[in-house]
Amino acid sequence: MSISHYIKDIGRGRDGARALDRAQAADLMGQILDGHVTDLELGAFCIAMRIKGETDQEMAGFLDATHARLQHISATDPVVVLPSYNGARKLPVLTPLLAHLLAREGLAVVIHGTATESTRITSQEVLSAMGVTALAQARAVAAGEVVFAPTEVLNPNLKRLLDVRRVVGLRNPAHSLVKLMNPTTAANALLVSSYTHPEYAISMAATFELTGARALLLRGTEGEVVADVRRTPQMAAFVRGTRTALVEAQAGSLIKLPELPTNIDAASTARYTQAVLNGELPVPAPLTAQVQAALKALSL
């Protein structure tokens, strides 16, 4: 098999490229995840899609192929899925704190991710410092539990696709795909997803509407799905193709900044996270709002 005919369609430049339909996109991604493409084809696909951009039909097809090939985490509703692929650059990565706050509400929480940049502190590192060991294989997750599933455990070839960025220096559809996928067996799991640029807010919303996924979408912190603790962002829920506004963006000047660790290394972030969970430090207001929004999205 070959994906060369798909590359011919998507590789004609921004103006000349032709979008794939959902079935074609599923076939293309299926061949990639099954390991049936060469490194040259994989690179050509990534560059072509980077220039062309993904449509909602293409992302839906990519998701179809991915969901069919994942090692799924067994879970029953209510479940919250937190993709974590960016890590900390200037601010501490508080995705693990969000996960534990959600687990305190009785929810099963699945974080999945892998390091996509070697200079950032990852959720996996913070969780490890807190005593949460990454899964070596897929298993069930219980209510009130937080688990971390490395991407390579879910699908090694998806990790391979993400790693192309380390070679060519550019994102590819996999970096959006992992923020849209549900690696659990729970059909109504809530996927918390985020964007950094406004155009992705539009494309991700369109994909959620098309696929009917249950999701909470917001502008995250440095690419992570956790709300910026300095200012509450807008949050919207997507359920069965319908969008519902849940939280309005915080306006006006900040009166007081939250107390954050001065260092963003894993150990310092883990200590801060544990101090908040122990009640020694306050929960940042934007995270409280995000937890309440997640609970609301699960009830819709």
C-alpha atoms as a PDB file:
ATOM      1  CA  MET A   1       0.000   0.000   0.000  1.00  0.00           C
ATOM      2  CA  SER A   2       1.048   3.607  -0.452  1.00  0.00           C
ATOM      3  CA  ILE A   3      -0.129   7.074   0.494  1.00  0.00           C
ATOM      4  CA  SER A   4       1.477   8.707  -2.545  1.00  0.00           C
ATOM      5  CA  HIS A   5      -1.885   9.411  -4.213  1.00  0.00           C
ATOM      6  CA  TYR A   6      -3.026  11.233  -1.081  1.00  0.00           C
ATOM      7  CA  ILE A   7       0.204  13.232  -0.960  1.00  0.00           C
ATOM      8  CA  LYS A   8      -0.407  14.211  -4.588  1.00  0.00           C
ATOM      9  CA  ASP A   9      -3.775  15.708  -3.569  1.00  0.00           C
ATOM     10  CA  ILE A  10      -2.699  17.478  -0.375  1.00  0.00           C
ATOM     11  CA  GLY A  11       0.768  18.479  -1.538  1.00  0.00           C
ATOM     12  CA  ARG A  12      -0.086  21.026  -4.241  1.00  0.00           C
ATOM     13  CA  GLY A  13       0.413  24.058  -2.024  1.00  0.00           C
ATOM     14  CA  ARG A  14      -2.020  26.194  -0.083  1.00  0.00           C
ATOM     15  CA  ASP A  15      -4.052  27.217  -3.149  1.00  0.00           C
ATOM     16  CA  GLY A  16      -3.782  24.066  -5.253  1.00  0.00           C
ATOM     17  CA  ALA A  17      -4.170  21.367  -2.608  1.00  0.00           C
ATOM     18  CA  ARG A  18      -7.365  19.344  -2.441  1.00  0.00           C
ATOM     19  CA  ALA A  19      -8.872  18.369   0.897  1.00  0.00           C
ATOM     20  CA  LEU A  20      -9.550  14.713   1.653  1.00  0.00           C
ATOM     21  CA  ASP A  21     -12.956  13.460   2.667  1.00  0.00           C
ATOM     22  CA  ARG A  22     -13.415  11.708   6.006  1.00  0.00           C
ATOM     23  CA  ALA A  23     -13.021   8.179   4.625  1.00  0.00           C
ATOM     24  CA  GLN A  24      -9.870   9.076   2.691  1.00  0.00           C
ATOM     25  CA  ALA A  25      -8.358  10.758   5.738  1.00  0.00           C
ATOM     26  CA  ALA A  26      -9.137   7.682   7.840  1.00  0.00           C
ATOM     27  CA  ASP A  27      -7.463   5.410   5.292  1.00  0.00           C
ATOM     28  CA  LEU A  28      -4.393   7.648   5.106  1.00  0.00           C
ATOM     29  CA  MET A  29      -3.967   7.881   8.888  1.00  0.00           C
ATOM     30  CA  GLY A  30      -4.675   4.182   9.241  1.00  0.00           C
ATOM     31  CA  GLN A  31      -1.762   3.343   6.962  1.00  0.00           C
ATOM     32  CA  ILE A  32       0.501   5.666   8.976  1.00  0.00           C
ATOM     33  CA  LEU A  33      -0.537   4.177  12.317  1.00  0.00           C
ATOM     34  CA  ASP A  34      -0.222   0.640  10.960  1.00  0.00           C
ATOM     35  CA  GLY A  35       3.398   1.413  10.033  1.00  0.00           C
ATOM     36  CA  HIS A  36       2.859   0.943   6.304  1.00  0.00           C
ATOM     37  CA  VAL A  37       4.553   4.163   5.159  1.00  0.00           C
ATOM     38  CA  THR A  38       8.202   4.999   4.637  1.00  0.00           C
ATOM     39  CA  ASP A  39      10.004   7.788   6.457  1.00  0.00           C
ATOM     40  CA  LEU A  40      10.035   9.755   3.198  1.00  0.00           C
ATOM     41  CA  GLU A  41       6.271   9.434   2.781  1.00  0.00           C
ATOM     42  CA  LEU A  42       5.733  10.342   6.418  1.00  0.00           C
ATOM     43  CA  GLY A  43       7.823  13.492   6.056  1.00  0.00           C
ATOM     44  CA  ALA A  44       6.042  14.446   2.837  1.00  0.00           C
ATOM     45  CA  PHE A  45       2.663  14.020   4.526  1.00  0.00           C
ATOM     46  CA  CYS A  46       3.676  16.196   7.473  1.00  0.00           C
ATOM     47  CA  ILE A  47       5.048  19.026   5.336  1.00  0.00           C
ATOM     48  CA  ALA A  48       2.106  18.942   2.910  1.00  0.00           C
ATOM     49  CA  MET A  49      -0.441  19.103   5.721  1.00  0.00           C
ATOM     50  CA  ARG A  50       1.510  21.842   7.483  1.00  0.00           C
ATOM     51  CA  ILE A  51       1.240  23.994   4.344  1.00  0.00           C
ATOM     52  CA  LYS A  52      -2.359  23.086   3.513  1.00  0.00           C
ATOM     53  CA  GLY A  53      -3.885  22.942   7.004  1.00  0.00           C
ATOM     54  CA  GLU A  54      -6.464  20.405   8.195  1.00  0.00           C
ATOM     55  CA  THR A  55     -10.207  20.521   7.579  1.00  0.00           C
ATOM     56  CA  ASP A  56     -12.746  19.259  10.098  1.00  0.00           C
ATOM     57  CA  GLN A  57     -13.543  16.323   7.782  1.00  0.00           C
ATOM     58  CA  GLU A  58      -9.872  15.378   7.669  1.00  0.00           C
ATOM     59  CA  MET A  59      -9.462  15.641  11.430  1.00  0.00           C
ATOM     60  CA  ALA A  60     -12.586  13.525  11.931  1.00  0.00           C
ATOM     61  CA  GLY A  61     -11.138  10.887   9.606  1.00  0.00           C
ATOM     62  CA  PHE A  62      -7.785  10.976  11.376  1.00  0.00           C
ATOM     63  CA  LEU A  63      -9.627  10.490  14.669  1.00  0.00           C
ATOM     64  CA  ASP A  64     -11.636   7.571  13.265  1.00  0.00           C
ATOM     65  CA  ALA A  65      -8.421   5.771  12.322  1.00  0.00           C
ATOM     66  CA  THR A  66      -6.709   6.618  15.591  1.00  0.00           C
ATOM     67  CA  HIS A  67      -9.554   5.531  17.868  1.00  0.00           C
ATOM     68  CA  ALA A  68      -9.690   2.204  16.024  1.00  0.00           C
ATOM     69  CA  ARG A  69      -6.014   1.550  16.736  1.00  0.00           C
ATOM     70  CA  LEU A  70      -5.483   2.733  20.306  1.00  0.00           C
ATOM     71  CA  GLN A  71      -4.782   0.546  23.296  1.00  0.00           C
ATOM     72  CA  HIS A  72      -7.773   1.850  25.224  1.00  0.00           C
ATOM     73  CA  ILE A  73      -7.930   2.671  28.921  1.00  0.00           C
ATOM     74  CA  SER A  74     -10.896   0.839  30.414  1.00  0.00           C
ATOM     75  CA  ALA A  75     -13.254   3.199  32.199  1.00  0.00           C
ATOM     76  CA  THR A  76     -16.914   3.857  32.818  1.00  0.00           C
ATOM     77  CA  ASP A  77     -18.465   7.307  32.925  1.00  0.00           C
ATOM     78  CA  PRO A  78     -17.856   9.827  34.338  1.00  0.00           C
ATOM     79  CA  VAL A  79     -14.326  10.124  32.945  1.00  0.00           C
ATOM     80  CA  VAL A  80     -12.247  13.198  32.124  1.00  0.00           C
ATOM     81  CA  VAL A  81      -9.443  13.048  29.537  1.00  0.00           C
ATOM     82  CA  LEU A  82      -6.591  15.563  29.728  1.00  0.00           C
ATOM     83  CA  PRO A  83      -4.112  15.645  26.828  1.00  0.00           C
ATOM     84  CA  SER A  84      -0.720  16.959  27.975  1.00  0.00           C
ATOM     85  CA  TYR A  85       1.843  17.499  25.234  1.00  0.00           C
ATOM     86  CA  ASN A  86       3.367  20.954  25.703  1.00  0.00           C
ATOM     87  CA  GLY A  87       4.631  21.176  29.268  1.00  0.00           C
ATOM     88  CA  ALA A  88       6.044  24.175  31.106  1.00  0.00           C
ATOM     89  CA  ARG A  89       8.121  26.876  29.465  1.00  0.00           C
ATOM     90  CA  LYS A  90       7.690  29.954  31.695  1.00  0.00           C
ATOM     91  CA  LEU A  91       4.903  28.931  34.078  1.00  0.00           C
ATOM     92  CA  PRO A  92       4.619  25.728  36.144  1.00  0.00           C
ATOM     93  CA  VAL A  93       2.673  22.970  34.416  1.00  0.00           C
ATOM     94  CA  LEU A  94      -0.483  22.620  36.491  1.00  0.00           C
ATOM     95  CA  THR A  95      -2.261  19.945  34.473  1.00  0.00           C
ATOM     96  CA  PRO A  96      -1.542  17.425  37.289  1.00  0.00           C
ATOM     97  CA  LEU A  97      -3.173  19.814  39.781  1.00  0.00           C
ATOM     98  CA  LEU A  98      -6.262  20.102  37.576  1.00  0.00           C
ATOM     99  CA  ALA A  99      -6.362  16.313  37.296  1.00  0.00           C
ATOM    100  CA  HIS A 100      -6.292  15.793  41.059  1.00  0.00           C
ATOM    101  CA  LEU A 101      -8.898  18.498  41.646  1.00  0.00           C
ATOM    102  CA  LEU A 102     -11.191  16.669  39.218  1.00  0.00           C
ATOM    103  CA  ALA A 103     -10.435  13.321  40.866  1.00  0.00           C
ATOM    104  CA  ARG A 104     -11.459  14.806  44.226  1.00  0.00           C
ATOM    105  CA  GLU A 105     -14.905  15.264  42.675  1.00  0.00           C
ATOM    106  CA  GLY A 106     -15.116  11.501  42.178  1.00  0.00           C
ATOM    107  CA  LEU A 107     -14.129  11.487  38.516  1.00  0.00           C
ATOM    108  CA  ALA A 108     -11.765   9.067  36.844  1.00  0.00           C
ATOM    109  CA  VAL A 109      -9.047  11.140  35.164  1.00  0.00           C
ATOM    110  CA  VAL A 110      -6.819  10.005  32.310  1.00  0.00           C
ATOM    111  CA  ILE A 111      -3.870  12.169  31.307  1.00  0.00           C
ATOM    112  CA  HIS A 112      -2.077  11.133  28.137  1.00  0.00           C
ATOM    113  CA  GLY A 113       0.976  12.675  26.551  1.00  0.00           C
ATOM    114  CA  THR A 114       4.627  12.636  25.660  1.00  0.00           C
ATOM    115  CA  ALA A 115       7.424  15.167  25.553  1.00  0.00           C
ATOM    116  CA  THR A 116       7.366  17.014  22.226  1.00  0.00           C
ATOM    117  CA  GLU A 117      10.098  19.510  23.178  1.00  0.00           C
ATOM    118  CA  SER A 118      13.153  18.537  25.209  1.00  0.00           C
ATOM    119  CA  THR A 119      13.456  21.878  27.027  1.00  0.00           C
ATOM    120  CA  ARG A 120      10.061  21.839  28.779  1.00  0.00           C
ATOM    121  CA  ILE A 121       8.937  20.288  32.071  1.00  0.00           C
ATOM    122  CA  THR A 122       6.213  17.720  31.429  1.00  0.00           C
ATOM    123  CA  SER A 123       3.171  16.590  33.365  1.00  0.00           C
ATOM    124  CA  GLN A 124       4.678  13.114  33.461  1.00  0.00           C
ATOM    125  CA  GLU A 125       7.708  14.455  35.342  1.00  0.00           C
ATOM    126  CA  VAL A 126       5.548  16.324  37.858  1.00  0.00           C
ATOM    127  CA  LEU A 127       3.300  13.300  38.387  1.00  0.00           C
ATOM    128  CA  SER A 128       6.338  11.093  38.891  1.00  0.00           C
ATOM    129  CA  ALA A 129       7.584  13.500  41.569  1.00  0.00           C
ATOM    130  CA  MET A 130       4.162  13.100  43.214  1.00  0.00           C
ATOM    131  CA  GLY A 131       4.414   9.308  43.161  1.00  0.00           C
ATOM    132  CA  VAL A 132       2.140   8.708  40.161  1.00  0.00           C
ATOM    133  CA  THR A 133       3.928   6.254  37.869  1.00  0.00           C
ATOM    134  CA  ALA A 134       3.224   6.274  34.147  1.00  0.00           C
ATOM    135  CA  LEU A 135       1.359   3.242  32.830  1.00  0.00           C
ATOM    136  CA  ALA A 136       3.484   0.593  31.134  1.00  0.00           C
ATOM    137  CA  GLN A 137       0.367  -0.886  29.530  1.00  0.00           C
ATOM    138  CA  ALA A 138      -3.267   0.047  29.243  1.00  0.00           C
ATOM    139  CA  ARG A 139      -5.420  -0.829  32.259  1.00  0.00           C
ATOM    140  CA  ALA A 140      -8.660   0.203  33.917  1.00  0.00           C
ATOM    141  CA  VAL A 141      -8.967   3.508  35.757  1.00  0.00           C
ATOM    142  CA  ALA A 142     -11.224   3.853  38.775  1.00  0.00           C
ATOM    143  CA  ALA A 143     -13.388   6.730  39.993  1.00  0.00           C
ATOM    144  CA  GLY A 144     -11.295   9.232  41.929  1.00  0.00           C
ATOM    145  CA  GLU A 145      -8.051   8.000  40.334  1.00  0.00           C
ATOM    146  CA  VAL A 146      -5.526   9.848  38.176  1.00  0.00           C
ATOM    147  CA  VAL A 147      -3.487   7.850  35.647  1.00  0.00           C
ATOM    148  CA  PHE A 148      -0.910   8.932  33.084  1.00  0.00           C
ATOM    149  CA  ALA A 149      -0.770   7.030  29.797  1.00  0.00           C
ATOM    150  CA  PRO A 150       2.290   7.712  27.593  1.00  0.00           C
ATOM    151  CA  THR A 151       1.416   8.071  23.923  1.00  0.00           C
ATOM    152  CA  GLU A 152       3.725   5.210  22.981  1.00  0.00           C
ATOM    153  CA  VAL A 153       1.663   2.893  25.191  1.00  0.00           C
ATOM    154  CA  LEU A 154      -1.529   3.953  23.426  1.00  0.00           C
ATOM    155  CA  ASN A 155      -0.008   3.632  19.937  1.00  0.00           C
ATOM    156  CA  PRO A 156       3.742   3.599  19.154  1.00  0.00           C
ATOM    157  CA  ASN A 157       3.256   4.882  15.603  1.00  0.00           C
ATOM    158  CA  LEU A 158       1.308   7.882  16.859  1.00  0.00           C
ATOM    159  CA  LYS A 159       4.353   8.714  18.976  1.00  0.00           C
ATOM    160  CA  ARG A 160       6.482   8.261  15.835  1.00  0.00           C
ATOM    161  CA  LEU A 161       4.317  10.787  14.002  1.00  0.00           C
ATOM    162  CA  LEU A 162       4.650  13.308  16.830  1.00  0.00           C
ATOM    163  CA  ASP A 163       8.417  12.824  16.834  1.00  0.00           C
ATOM    164  CA  VAL A 164       8.672  14.051  13.235  1.00  0.00           C
ATOM    165  CA  ARG A 165       8.551  17.544  14.727  1.00  0.00           C
ATOM    166  CA  ARG A 166      11.931  16.949  16.354  1.00  0.00           C
ATOM    167  CA  VAL A 167      13.420  16.373  12.893  1.00  0.00           C
ATOM    168  CA  VAL A 168      11.677  18.971  10.715  1.00  0.00           C
ATOM    169  CA  GLY A 169      10.902  21.549  13.418  1.00  0.00           C
ATOM    170  CA  LEU A 170       7.229  21.960  12.436  1.00  0.00           C
ATOM    171  CA  ARG A 171       3.967  20.697  13.914  1.00  0.00           C
ATOM    172  CA  ASN A 172       1.858  18.234  11.942  1.00  0.00           C
ATOM    173  CA  PRO A 173      -1.735  16.961  12.231  1.00  0.00           C
ATOM    174  CA  ALA A 174      -0.779  14.635  15.080  1.00  0.00           C
ATOM    175  CA  HIS A 175      -0.273  17.628  17.386  1.00  0.00           C
ATOM    176  CA  SER A 176      -3.918  18.583  16.923  1.00  0.00           C
ATOM    177  CA  LEU A 177      -5.082  14.979  16.762  1.00  0.00           C
ATOM    178  CA  VAL A 178      -3.832  14.081  20.241  1.00  0.00           C
ATOM    179  CA  LYS A 179      -5.733  17.036  21.706  1.00  0.00           C
ATOM    180  CA  LEU A 180      -8.955  15.731  20.154  1.00  0.00           C
ATOM    181  CA  MET A 181      -8.791  11.997  20.906  1.00  0.00           C
ATOM    182  CA  ASN A 182     -10.417   9.934  23.640  1.00  0.00           C
ATOM    183  CA  PRO A 183      -8.215   6.957  24.584  1.00  0.00           C
ATOM    184  CA  THR A 184     -10.798   5.463  26.969  1.00  0.00           C
ATOM    185  CA  THR A 185     -13.635   3.012  26.500  1.00  0.00           C
ATOM    186  CA  ALA A 186     -16.093   5.537  27.968  1.00  0.00           C
ATOM    187  CA  ALA A 187     -18.210   6.796  25.090  1.00  0.00           C
ATOM    188  CA  ASN A 188     -19.230   9.974  26.923  1.00  0.00           C
ATOM    189  CA  ALA A 189     -15.880  10.830  28.450  1.00  0.00           C
ATOM    190  CA  LEU A 190     -15.277  14.548  28.731  1.00  0.00           C
ATOM    191  CA  LEU A 191     -12.278  15.628  26.703  1.00  0.00           C
ATOM    192  CA  VAL A 192     -10.693  18.842  27.980  1.00  0.00           C
ATOM    193  CA  SER A 193      -8.900  20.493  25.090  1.00  0.00           C
ATOM    194  CA  SER A 194      -7.122  23.765  24.487  1.00  0.00           C
ATOM    195  CA  TYR A 195      -5.732  26.003  21.792  1.00  0.00           C
ATOM    196  CA  THR A 196      -3.037  28.656  21.650  1.00  0.00           C
ATOM    197  CA  HIS A 197      -3.955  30.457  18.406  1.00  0.00           C
ATOM    198  CA  PRO A 198      -7.469  31.690  17.482  1.00  0.00           C
ATOM    199  CA  GLU A 199      -7.569  29.754  14.209  1.00  0.00           C
ATOM    200  CA  TYR A 200      -7.280  26.486  16.125  1.00  0.00           C
ATOM    201  CA  ALA A 201     -10.207  27.489  18.328  1.00  0.00           C
ATOM    202  CA  ILE A 202     -12.301  27.598  15.160  1.00  0.00           C
ATOM    203  CA  SER A 203     -11.012  24.348  13.637  1.00  0.00           C
ATOM    204  CA  MET A 204     -11.185  22.385  16.899  1.00  0.00           C
ATOM    205  CA  ALA A 205     -14.742  23.593  17.543  1.00  0.00           C
ATOM    206  CA  ALA A 206     -15.742  22.500  14.040  1.00  0.00           C
ATOM    207  CA  THR A 207     -14.283  19.030  14.635  1.00  0.00           C
ATOM    208  CA  PHE A 208     -16.097  18.653  17.962  1.00  0.00           C
ATOM    209  CA  GLU A 209     -19.351  19.709  16.315  1.00  0.00           C
ATOM    210  CA  LEU A 210     -18.856  17.271  13.437  1.00  0.00           C
ATOM    211  CA  THR A 211     -17.896  14.273  15.569  1.00  0.00           C
ATOM    212  CA  GLY A 212     -20.399  14.943  18.359  1.00  0.00           C
ATOM    213  CA  ALA A 213     -17.729  14.604  21.022  1.00  0.00           C
ATOM    214  CA  ARG A 214     -18.270  15.724  24.607  1.00  0.00           C
ATOM    215  CA  ALA A 215     -15.585  18.335  25.186  1.00  0.00           C
ATOM    216  CA  LEU A 216     -14.559  21.425  27.114  1.00  0.00           C
ATOM    217  CA  LEU A 217     -12.565  23.898  25.014  1.00  0.00           C
ATOM    218  CA  LEU A 218     -10.534  26.836  26.298  1.00  0.00           C
ATOM    219  CA  ARG A 219      -7.379  28.792  25.645  1.00  0.00           C
ATOM    220  CA  GLY A 220      -4.853  26.917  27.753  1.00  0.00           C
ATOM    221  CA  THR A 221      -1.573  27.737  29.433  1.00  0.00           C
ATOM    222  CA  GLU A 222       1.443  27.460  27.117  1.00  0.00           C
ATOM    223  CA  GLY A 223      -0.373  24.783  25.131  1.00  0.00           C
ATOM    224  CA  GLU A 224      -1.545  22.806  28.167  1.00  0.00           C
ATOM    225  CA  VAL A 225      -5.257  22.197  28.822  1.00  0.00           C
ATOM    226  CA  VAL A 226      -5.214  23.848  32.245  1.00  0.00           C
ATOM    227  CA  ALA A 227      -6.647  27.360  32.617  1.00  0.00           C
ATOM    228  CA  ASP A 228      -4.157  30.175  33.065  1.00  0.00           C
ATOM    229  CA  VAL A 229      -4.134  30.818  36.816  1.00  0.00           C
ATOM    230  CA  ARG A 230      -3.515  34.529  36.221  1.00  0.00           C
ATOM    231  CA  ARG A 231      -6.760  35.176  34.341  1.00  0.00           C
ATOM    232  CA  THR A 232      -9.812  32.975  33.765  1.00  0.00           C
ATOM    233  CA  PRO A 233     -10.255  32.226  30.041  1.00  0.00           C
ATOM    234  CA  GLN A 234     -13.471  31.679  28.142  1.00  0.00           C
ATOM    235  CA  MET A 235     -14.700  28.062  28.283  1.00  0.00           C
ATOM    236  CA  ALA A 236     -17.266  26.338  26.082  1.00  0.00           C
ATOM    237  CA  ALA A 237     -18.761  22.852  26.168  1.00  0.00           C
ATOM    238  CA  PHE A 238     -19.528  20.697  23.137  1.00  0.00           C
ATOM    239  CA  VAL A 239     -22.064  17.908  23.527  1.00  0.00           C
ATOM    240  CA  ARG A 240     -23.582  15.969  20.609  1.00  0.00           C
ATOM    241  CA  GLY A 241     -22.692  18.726  18.173  1.00  0.00           C
ATOM    242  CA  THR A 242     -24.078  21.590  20.248  1.00  0.00           C
ATOM    243  CA  ARG A 243     -21.906  24.340  21.685  1.00  0.00           C
ATOM    244  CA  THR A 244     -22.742  25.848  25.092  1.00  0.00           C
ATOM    245  CA  ALA A 245     -20.878  28.804  26.613  1.00  0.00           C
ATOM    246  CA  LEU A 246     -20.021  28.013  30.241  1.00  0.00           C
ATOM    247  CA  VAL A 247     -17.465  30.584  31.424  1.00  0.00           C
ATOM    248  CA  GLU A 248     -16.876  34.104  30.162  1.00  0.00           C
ATOM    249  CA  ALA A 249     -13.324  35.399  29.892  1.00  0.00           C
ATOM    250  CA  GLN A 250     -12.166  37.455  32.856  1.00  0.00           C
ATOM    251  CA  ALA A 251     -12.044  41.152  32.001  1.00  0.00           C
ATOM    252  CA  GLY A 252     -10.294  44.095  33.601  1.00  0.00           C
ATOM    253  CA  SER A 253      -6.987  44.423  35.392  1.00  0.00           C
ATOM    254  CA  LEU A 254      -5.689  41.797  37.770  1.00  0.00           C
ATOM    255  CA  ILE A 255      -5.781  42.888  41.397  1.00  0.00           C
ATOM    256  CA  LYS A 256      -3.604  40.119  42.777  1.00  0.00           C
ATOM    257  CA  LEU A 257      -1.546  37.382  41.178  1.00  0.00           C
ATOM    258  CA  PRO A 258      -1.831  33.853  42.598  1.00  0.00           C
ATOM    259  CA  GLU A 259       1.021  32.501  44.675  1.00  0.00           C
ATOM    260  CA  LEU A 260       3.032  30.294  42.332  1.00  0.00           C
ATOM    261  CA  PRO A 261       6.381  28.532  42.763  1.00  0.00           C
ATOM    262  CA  THR A 262       9.307  30.632  41.599  1.00  0.00           C
ATOM    263  CA  ASN A 263      10.892  27.587  39.963  1.00  0.00           C
ATOM    264  CA  ILE A 264       9.046  25.524  37.350  1.00  0.00           C
ATOM    265  CA  ASP A 265      11.065  22.303  37.761  1.00  0.00           C
ATOM    266  CA  ALA A 266       9.134  19.098  38.423  1.00  0.00           C
ATOM    267  CA  ALA A 267       9.978  18.873  42.129  1.00  0.00           C
ATOM    268  CA  SER A 268       8.965  22.477  42.865  1.00  0.00           C
ATOM    269  CA  THR A 269       5.737  22.123  40.876  1.00  0.00           C
ATOM    270  CA  ALA A 270       4.919  18.847  42.632  1.00  0.00           C
ATOM    271  CA  ARG A 271       5.411  20.462  46.048  1.00  0.00           C
ATOM    272  CA  TYR A 272       3.161  23.375  45.078  1.00  0.00           C
ATOM    273  CA  THR A 273       0.510  21.004  43.703  1.00  0.00           C
ATOM    274  CA  GLN A 274       0.530  18.932  46.890  1.00  0.00           C
ATOM    275  CA  ALA A 275       0.350  22.058  49.062  1.00  0.00           C
ATOM    276  CA  VAL A 276      -2.791  23.182  47.198  1.00  0.00           C
ATOM    277  CA  LEU A 277      -4.343  19.725  47.480  1.00  0.00           C
ATOM    278  CA  ASN A 278      -3.551  19.651  51.207  1.00  0.00           C
ATOM    279  CA  GLY A 279      -5.263  23.010  51.720  1.00  0.00           C
ATOM    280  CA  GLU A 280      -2.014  24.762  52.643  1.00  0.00           C
ATOM    281  CA  LEU A 281      -2.362  27.092  49.653  1.00  0.00           C
ATOM    282  CA  PRO A 282      -5.560  28.268  47.951  1.00  0.00           C
ATOM    283  CA  VAL A 283      -6.824  26.731  44.733  1.00  0.00           C
ATOM    284  CA  PRO A 284      -6.344  29.358  41.999  1.00  0.00           C
ATOM    285  CA  ALA A 285      -9.740  30.775  41.052  1.00  0.00           C
ATOM    286  CA  PRO A 286      -9.435  29.933  37.308  1.00  0.00           C
ATOM    287  CA  LEU A 287      -8.877  26.255  38.192  1.00  0.00           C
ATOM    288  CA  THR A 288     -11.925  26.257  40.440  1.00  0.00           C
ATOM    289  CA  ALA A 289     -13.908  27.702  37.532  1.00  0.00           C
ATOM    290  CA  GLN A 290     -12.508  25.052  35.196  1.00  0.00           C
ATOM    291  CA  VAL A 291     -13.436  22.194  37.531  1.00  0.00           C
ATOM    292  CA  GLN A 292     -16.983  23.552  37.823  1.00  0.00           C
ATOM    293  CA  ALA A 293     -17.177  23.942  34.039  1.00  0.00           C
ATOM    294  CA  ALA A 294     -16.069  20.324  33.593  1.00  0.00           C
ATOM    295  CA  LEU A 295     -18.745  19.116  36.002  1.00  0.00           C
ATOM    296  CA  LYS A 296     -21.328  21.177  34.123  1.00  0.00           C
ATOM    297  CA  ALA A 297     -20.189  19.781  30.765  1.00  0.00           C
ATOM    298  CA  LEU A 298     -20.550  16.248  32.101  1.00  0.00           C
ATOM    299  CA  SER A 299     -24.126  16.980  33.137  1.00  0.00           C
ATOM    300  CA  LEU A 300     -25.279  18.350  29.774  1.00  0.00           C
END
